[in-house]
Amino acid sequence: MDNNGIFNVLFRTKPAKMLIELRNSKSEIYASSLAKAIDCTYSHVVKILQEMHQAGLVNFEKHGRLKLLTLTKKGAEVADHLIQVRNLLQ
């Protein structure tokens, strides 16, 4: 995916909320719990997470049948910047 592709992904509401929710999470988080937290369907969350994984923003760690979500260093930096932009706009 080129840079324009991931830019278009991140500056939609749900994907931005996903990164911020992952950044602010104090415990383990899975796609199903992330979907509930941002009021989105599970299938949509998984699709966006796959794009974020390809862009190097999130990692998946298998725990039995579930995949634990973690931000990469790059993903955490992007989330921090999104938080700053959101705060500037409030």
C-alpha atoms as a PDB file:
ATOM      1  CA  MET A   1       0.000   0.000   0.000  1.00  0.00           C
ATOM      2  CA  ASP A   2       1.396   3.408  -0.917  1.00  0.00           C
ATOM      3  CA  ASN A   3       1.509   6.378   1.459  1.00  0.00           C
ATOM      4  CA  ASN A   4      -1.609   7.959  -0.070  1.00  0.00           C
ATOM      5  CA  GLY A   5      -3.534   4.753   0.598  1.00  0.00           C
ATOM      6  CA  ILE A   6      -2.728   4.624   4.299  1.00  0.00           C
ATOM      7  CA  PHE A   7      -3.269   8.394   4.636  1.00  0.00           C
ATOM      8  CA  ASN A   8      -6.788   7.942   3.286  1.00  0.00           C
ATOM      9  CA  VAL A   9      -7.356   5.095   5.733  1.00  0.00           C
ATOM     10  CA  LEU A  10      -6.214   7.012   8.808  1.00  0.00           C
ATOM     11  CA  PHE A  11      -8.091  10.200   8.197  1.00  0.00           C
ATOM     12  CA  ARG A  12     -11.446   8.529   8.295  1.00  0.00           C
ATOM     13  CA  THR A  13     -13.182   8.592  11.667  1.00  0.00           C
ATOM     14  CA  LYS A  14     -13.260   4.889  12.581  1.00  0.00           C
ATOM     15  CA  PRO A  15      -9.617   4.080  11.718  1.00  0.00           C
ATOM     16  CA  ALA A  16      -8.406   7.142  13.629  1.00  0.00           C
ATOM     17  CA  LYS A  17     -10.523   6.110  16.618  1.00  0.00           C
ATOM     18  CA  MET A  18      -9.069   2.599  16.368  1.00  0.00           C
ATOM     19  CA  LEU A  19      -5.488   3.841  16.634  1.00  0.00           C
ATOM     20  CA  ILE A  20      -6.331   6.186  19.499  1.00  0.00           C
ATOM     21  CA  GLU A  21      -8.202   3.416  21.343  1.00  0.00           C
ATOM     22  CA  LEU A  22      -5.225   1.065  20.910  1.00  0.00           C
ATOM     23  CA  ARG A  23      -2.874   3.793  22.152  1.00  0.00           C
ATOM     24  CA  ASN A  24      -4.981   4.550  25.216  1.00  0.00           C
ATOM     25  CA  SER A  25      -5.691   0.914  26.090  1.00  0.00           C
ATOM     26  CA  LYS A  26      -4.475  -0.060  29.554  1.00  0.00           C
ATOM     27  CA  SER A  27      -5.076  -3.791  29.040  1.00  0.00           C
ATOM     28  CA  GLU A  28      -4.980  -6.403  26.308  1.00  0.00           C
ATOM     29  CA  ILE A  29      -7.243  -5.583  23.392  1.00  0.00           C
ATOM     30  CA  TYR A  30      -8.652  -7.783  20.666  1.00  0.00           C
ATOM     31  CA  ALA A  31     -10.474  -6.925  17.438  1.00  0.00           C
ATOM     32  CA  SER A  32     -13.867  -7.773  18.959  1.00  0.00           C
ATOM     33  CA  SER A  33     -13.347  -5.504  21.974  1.00  0.00           C
ATOM     34  CA  LEU A  34     -11.978  -2.763  19.722  1.00  0.00           C
ATOM     35  CA  ALA A  35     -15.098  -3.011  17.539  1.00  0.00           C
ATOM     36  CA  LYS A  36     -17.307  -2.532  20.599  1.00  0.00           C
ATOM     37  CA  ALA A  37     -15.234   0.369  21.906  1.00  0.00           C
ATOM     38  CA  ILE A  38     -15.537   2.375  18.685  1.00  0.00           C
ATOM     39  CA  ASP A  39     -19.067   1.206  17.796  1.00  0.00           C
ATOM     40  CA  CYS A  40     -18.106  -0.532  14.576  1.00  0.00           C
ATOM     41  CA  THR A  41     -18.672  -3.954  13.045  1.00  0.00           C
ATOM     42  CA  TYR A  42     -16.107  -6.654  13.686  1.00  0.00           C
ATOM     43  CA  SER A  43     -15.597  -7.289   9.959  1.00  0.00           C
ATOM     44  CA  HIS A  44     -14.894  -3.604   9.287  1.00  0.00           C
ATOM     45  CA  VAL A  45     -12.391  -3.474  12.161  1.00  0.00           C
ATOM     46  CA  VAL A  46     -10.569  -6.563  10.851  1.00  0.00           C
ATOM     47  CA  LYS A  47     -10.377  -5.093   7.333  1.00  0.00           C
ATOM     48  CA  ILE A  48      -8.905  -1.822   8.619  1.00  0.00           C
ATOM     49  CA  LEU A  49      -6.505  -3.663  10.954  1.00  0.00           C
ATOM     50  CA  GLN A  50      -5.172  -5.659   8.000  1.00  0.00           C
ATOM     51  CA  GLU A  51      -4.443  -2.417   6.148  1.00  0.00           C
ATOM     52  CA  MET A  52      -2.771  -0.980   9.240  1.00  0.00           C
ATOM     53  CA  HIS A  53      -0.708  -4.156   9.630  1.00  0.00           C
ATOM     54  CA  GLN A  54       0.479  -3.877   6.013  1.00  0.00           C
ATOM     55  CA  ALA A  55       1.482  -0.270   6.697  1.00  0.00           C
ATOM     56  CA  GLY A  56       3.479  -1.341   9.772  1.00  0.00           C
ATOM     57  CA  LEU A  57       1.221   0.308  12.345  1.00  0.00           C
ATOM     58  CA  VAL A  58      -0.148  -2.702  14.258  1.00  0.00           C
ATOM     59  CA  ASN A  59       0.969  -6.216  15.130  1.00  0.00           C
ATOM     60  CA  PHE A  60      -1.101  -9.300  15.806  1.00  0.00           C
ATOM     61  CA  GLU A  61      -0.053 -11.781  18.481  1.00  0.00           C
ATOM     62  CA  LYS A  62      -1.890 -15.112  18.590  1.00  0.00           C
ATOM     63  CA  HIS A  63      -3.422 -16.149  21.921  1.00  0.00           C
ATOM     64  CA  GLY A  64      -5.208 -19.390  21.152  1.00  0.00           C
ATOM     65  CA  ARG A  65      -8.027 -18.502  18.791  1.00  0.00           C
ATOM     66  CA  LEU A  66      -7.727 -14.791  19.513  1.00  0.00           C
ATOM     67  CA  LYS A  67      -5.247 -12.242  18.190  1.00  0.00           C
ATOM     68  CA  LEU A  68      -3.955  -9.650  20.634  1.00  0.00           C
ATOM     69  CA  LEU A  69      -3.469  -6.239  19.028  1.00  0.00           C
ATOM     70  CA  THR A  70      -0.446  -4.064  19.709  1.00  0.00           C
ATOM     71  CA  LEU A  71       0.795  -0.876  18.130  1.00  0.00           C
ATOM     72  CA  THR A  72       4.217  -0.796  16.564  1.00  0.00           C
ATOM     73  CA  LYS A  73       6.526   2.112  17.390  1.00  0.00           C
ATOM     74  CA  LYS A  74       5.394   3.767  14.158  1.00  0.00           C
ATOM     75  CA  GLY A  75       1.736   3.102  15.033  1.00  0.00           C
ATOM     76  CA  ALA A  76       2.170   4.641  18.483  1.00  0.00           C
ATOM     77  CA  GLU A  77       3.759   7.752  16.963  1.00  0.00           C
ATOM     78  CA  VAL A  78       0.918   8.125  14.454  1.00  0.00           C
ATOM     79  CA  ALA A  79      -1.651   7.670  17.237  1.00  0.00           C
ATOM     80  CA  ASP A  80       0.105  10.321  19.342  1.00  0.00           C
ATOM     81  CA  HIS A  81      -0.053  12.763  16.445  1.00  0.00           C
ATOM     82  CA  LEU A  82      -3.734  11.991  15.836  1.00  0.00           C
ATOM     83  CA  ILE A  83      -4.405  12.704  19.519  1.00  0.00           C
ATOM     84  CA  GLN A  84      -2.561  16.020  19.202  1.00  0.00           C
ATOM     85  CA  VAL A  85      -4.567  16.981  16.102  1.00  0.00           C
ATOM     86  CA  ARG A  86      -7.819  16.028  17.812  1.00  0.00           C
ATOM     87  CA  ASN A  87      -6.891  18.111  20.872  1.00  0.00           C
ATOM     88  CA  LEU A  88      -5.987  21.113  18.692  1.00  0.00           C
ATOM     89  CA  LEU A  89      -9.375  20.931  16.992  1.00  0.00           C
ATOM     90  CA  GLN A  90     -11.389  20.817  20.211  1.00  0.00           C
END
